[in-house]
Amino acid sequence: MRNLLYALAFFPLFSCHSLMALGSYCLQDTLKGYNASASFPKSKLGVDVMVLMTGEQREVEIRKFSTKFIYYSRPGESIMTQIDRRLVNAIYYRSGRKEIITPKAVDIPQSSDWEKIKITDNPKDVGPTMIEIDVIEVEVEANTREQYVKPQTLENSANIILRKKAALINGELVLIKKKSHSRPYGEAPSLRVEAVAYRKI
């Protein structure tokens, strides 16, 4: 009888300890799942995801671009912050589109395949068996004397970046939609190009 009373007295403590251990295990398992999924940037409704060169991910609202900076704010706030474009690897827009801002060394194709990608401003060059992959935007700023004097050298630099960006998404042809030359007073000349990458089906 005495043994039975001892067993009944310790049973609630044992049950409580078991439940606490089970709860702790479930919590740890949930946290593990959360951390595992956090490594994949996913745009949320009304939020852009900015991935830095360090791998850090920031949920932001992209406001505007300049030749050197990206201006953004925290979701739901109006105060803008700027960040050097060279510190940003990619942006996952709320629309689901991804844009490479500064390719990492491992992202840049090491082969010469990107040199084979055709660049054109004639829509007729897009064949009937081609599909649109993604929009590509490039902005380059003059940093040599030759680029200051000859605008064509800026276009050559932009075309190289366009080809490399297209190669990252397996593009075969780049159709230029818009070119915008800019030379504000006291600043270096710059060129912004908007294009679309295509590949064969």
Protein backbone atom coordinates (compact mmCIF):
# COMPACT_ATOMS: atom_id res chain seq x y z
CA MET A 1 0.00 0.00 0.00
CA ARG A 2 2.84 2.37 0.91
CA ASN A 3 4.57 1.67 -2.45
CA LEU A 4 1.34 2.47 -4.27
CA LEU A 5 1.06 5.83 -2.48
CA TYR A 6 4.68 6.71 -3.40
CA ALA A 7 4.00 5.86 -7.05
CA LEU A 8 0.88 8.01 -7.14
CA ALA A 9 2.76 10.91 -5.52
CA PHE A 10 5.59 10.92 -8.08
CA PHE A 11 3.45 10.25 -11.16
CA PRO A 12 2.33 13.91 -11.67
CA LEU A 13 5.95 15.11 -11.41
CA PHE A 14 7.08 12.55 -13.97
CA SER A 15 4.22 13.45 -16.32
CA CYS A 16 4.94 17.17 -16.01
CA HIS A 17 8.64 16.62 -16.70
CA SER A 18 7.81 14.49 -19.74
CA LEU A 19 5.47 17.13 -21.13
CA MET A 20 8.08 19.86 -20.60
CA ALA A 21 10.72 17.77 -22.38
CA LEU A 22 8.33 17.08 -25.23
CA GLY A 23 7.46 20.77 -25.51
CA SER A 24 11.14 21.71 -25.52
CA TYR A 25 11.82 19.15 -28.26
CA CYS A 26 8.95 20.46 -30.38
CA LEU A 27 10.12 24.05 -29.93
CA GLN A 28 13.68 23.18 -30.96
CA ASP A 29 12.39 21.26 -33.96
CA THR A 30 10.25 24.25 -34.99
CA LEU A 31 13.18 26.64 -34.66
CA LYS A 32 15.36 24.36 -36.73
CA GLY A 33 12.78 24.40 -39.49
CA TYR A 34 12.55 28.19 -39.33
CA ASN A 35 16.31 28.67 -39.60
CA ALA A 36 16.55 26.25 -42.49
CA SER A 37 13.94 28.11 -44.52
CA ALA A 38 15.36 31.54 -43.66
CA SER A 39 18.30 30.98 -46.02
CA PHE A 40 16.01 31.21 -49.05
CA PRO A 41 14.91 34.80 -49.87
CA LYS A 42 11.17 34.93 -50.45
CA SER A 43 9.40 38.14 -51.41
CA LYS A 44 6.32 38.78 -49.31
CA LEU A 45 3.28 40.76 -50.33
CA GLY A 46 4.24 44.43 -50.37
CA VAL A 47 7.86 43.78 -49.36
CA ASP A 48 11.13 43.64 -51.32
CA VAL A 49 14.01 41.48 -50.10
CA MET A 50 17.51 42.94 -50.46
CA VAL A 51 20.39 40.46 -50.23
CA LEU A 52 23.76 41.97 -49.33
CA MET A 53 27.14 40.66 -50.47
CA THR A 54 27.61 39.31 -46.94
CA GLY A 55 24.49 37.16 -47.31
CA GLU A 56 22.41 39.32 -44.95
CA GLN A 57 18.77 39.68 -46.00
CA ARG A 58 16.73 42.82 -45.39
CA GLU A 59 13.00 43.22 -45.90
CA VAL A 60 12.62 46.70 -47.40
CA GLU A 61 10.69 48.90 -49.79
CA ILE A 62 12.90 49.97 -52.69
CA ARG A 63 12.37 53.67 -53.40
CA LYS A 64 14.82 54.66 -56.15
CA PHE A 65 18.24 54.06 -57.71
CA SER A 66 21.16 56.33 -58.55
CA THR A 67 24.44 55.55 -60.25
CA LYS A 68 26.06 54.82 -56.88
CA PHE A 69 23.30 54.17 -54.34
CA ILE A 70 20.07 52.30 -53.73
CA TYR A 71 17.50 54.18 -51.66
CA TYR A 72 15.10 52.17 -49.53
CA SER A 73 12.96 52.35 -46.42
CA ARG A 74 11.72 49.90 -43.84
CA PRO A 75 8.30 48.43 -44.66
CA GLY A 76 5.59 50.89 -43.65
CA GLU A 77 8.02 53.75 -42.95
CA SER A 78 8.74 56.86 -45.00
CA ILE A 79 12.32 57.59 -43.89
CA MET A 80 14.75 56.64 -46.68
CA THR A 81 18.16 55.08 -46.20
CA GLN A 82 20.85 54.76 -48.84
CA ILE A 83 23.30 51.93 -49.43
CA ASP A 84 26.20 51.61 -51.85
CA ARG A 85 25.17 49.46 -54.83
CA ARG A 86 28.44 47.53 -54.55
CA LEU A 87 27.30 46.16 -51.18
CA VAL A 88 24.10 44.67 -52.61
CA ASN A 89 24.17 41.30 -54.37
CA ALA A 90 20.52 41.01 -55.44
CA ILE A 91 16.99 42.28 -54.92
CA TYR A 92 13.92 40.05 -54.85
CA TYR A 93 11.06 42.38 -55.76
CA ARG A 94 7.56 42.00 -54.36
CA SER A 95 6.41 41.12 -57.88
CA GLY A 96 8.55 37.98 -57.73
CA ARG A 97 11.24 39.32 -60.08
CA LYS A 98 14.90 38.99 -59.13
CA GLU A 99 17.59 41.49 -60.16
CA ILE A 100 21.32 40.96 -59.74
CA ILE A 101 22.87 44.26 -58.64
CA THR A 102 26.48 43.28 -57.95
CA PRO A 103 27.37 39.75 -59.07
CA LYS A 104 29.50 37.76 -56.67
CA ALA A 105 32.69 36.23 -57.99
CA VAL A 106 31.03 32.80 -57.99
CA ASP A 107 28.04 34.18 -59.92
CA ILE A 108 29.99 35.55 -62.88
CA PRO A 109 30.33 32.95 -65.65
CA GLN A 110 33.97 31.95 -65.93
CA SER A 111 33.70 30.64 -69.48
CA SER A 112 33.43 32.76 -72.60
CA ASP A 113 29.84 31.62 -73.25
CA TRP A 114 28.50 35.04 -72.25
CA GLU A 115 30.41 36.57 -75.17
CA LYS A 116 28.22 34.60 -77.59
CA ILE A 117 25.01 36.22 -76.37
CA LYS A 118 23.57 38.53 -79.01
CA ILE A 119 22.54 42.09 -78.15
CA THR A 120 20.07 43.89 -80.39
CA ASP A 121 17.58 46.74 -80.41
CA ASN A 122 15.52 45.23 -83.23
CA PRO A 123 12.43 43.30 -82.00
CA LYS A 124 12.45 41.30 -85.26
CA ASP A 125 15.60 39.52 -84.04
CA VAL A 126 13.49 37.76 -81.40
CA GLY A 127 12.60 34.49 -83.12
CA PRO A 128 9.19 32.79 -82.90
CA THR A 129 10.70 29.94 -80.88
CA MET A 130 12.08 32.27 -78.20
CA ILE A 131 10.53 33.03 -74.82
CA GLU A 132 11.06 36.00 -72.53
CA ILE A 133 13.08 35.14 -69.41
CA ASP A 134 13.47 38.33 -67.41
CA VAL A 135 14.02 42.07 -67.49
CA ILE A 136 17.65 43.20 -67.14
CA GLU A 137 18.65 46.69 -66.04
CA VAL A 138 22.20 48.02 -66.15
CA GLU A 139 23.64 51.36 -65.10
CA VAL A 140 27.27 52.26 -65.72
CA GLU A 141 29.19 55.40 -64.83
CA ALA A 142 32.27 56.77 -66.57
CA ASN A 143 35.44 56.16 -64.58
CA THR A 144 38.11 56.60 -67.26
CA ARG A 145 39.07 59.53 -69.48
CA GLU A 146 38.04 57.59 -72.59
CA GLN A 147 34.55 56.98 -71.18
CA TYR A 148 34.21 60.70 -70.47
CA VAL A 149 35.07 61.59 -74.07
CA LYS A 150 33.50 58.70 -76.00
CA PRO A 151 29.94 57.69 -75.02
CA GLN A 152 30.32 54.51 -77.11
CA THR A 153 32.77 53.13 -74.55
CA LEU A 154 30.04 53.38 -71.90
CA GLU A 155 27.74 51.38 -74.17
CA ASN A 156 30.46 48.75 -74.64
CA SER A 157 30.78 48.40 -70.86
CA ALA A 158 27.00 48.17 -70.49
CA ASN A 159 26.82 45.48 -73.18
CA ILE A 160 29.38 43.34 -71.35
CA ILE A 161 27.35 43.53 -68.15
CA LEU A 162 24.14 42.80 -70.05
CA ARG A 163 25.67 39.67 -71.57
CA LYS A 164 26.97 38.44 -68.21
CA LYS A 165 23.63 39.05 -66.51
CA ALA A 166 21.84 37.23 -69.33
CA ALA A 167 24.27 34.32 -69.01
CA LEU A 168 23.32 33.96 -65.34
CA ILE A 169 19.74 33.17 -66.36
CA ASN A 170 20.68 31.10 -69.44
CA GLY A 171 19.76 33.83 -71.90
CA GLU A 172 20.70 33.64 -75.57
CA LEU A 173 19.60 37.06 -76.79
CA VAL A 174 19.18 40.48 -75.17
CA LEU A 175 16.71 42.96 -76.63
CA ILE A 176 17.42 46.55 -75.60
CA LYS A 177 14.24 48.47 -74.83
CA LYS A 178 15.58 51.81 -73.65
CA LYS A 179 18.88 53.69 -73.32
CA SER A 180 19.23 56.79 -71.17
CA HIS A 181 22.41 58.86 -71.25
CA SER A 182 22.88 61.28 -68.37
CA ARG A 183 25.50 63.87 -67.51
CA PRO A 184 24.36 66.03 -64.57
CA TYR A 185 26.43 69.12 -63.89
CA GLY A 186 29.49 68.25 -61.82
CA GLU A 187 28.96 64.49 -62.10
CA ALA A 188 30.38 61.77 -64.31
CA PRO A 189 28.47 60.71 -67.44
CA SER A 190 26.33 57.62 -66.97
CA LEU A 191 24.23 55.27 -69.05
CA ARG A 192 21.16 53.32 -67.98
CA VAL A 193 19.94 50.46 -70.15
CA GLU A 194 16.68 48.54 -69.85
CA ALA A 195 16.53 45.24 -71.72
CA VAL A 196 14.83 41.85 -71.86
CA ALA A 197 16.61 38.49 -72.01
CA TYR A 198 15.29 35.71 -74.27
CA ARG A 199 16.15 32.09 -74.97
CA LYS A 200 14.94 29.38 -77.30
CA ILE A 201 12.24 27.02 -76.09
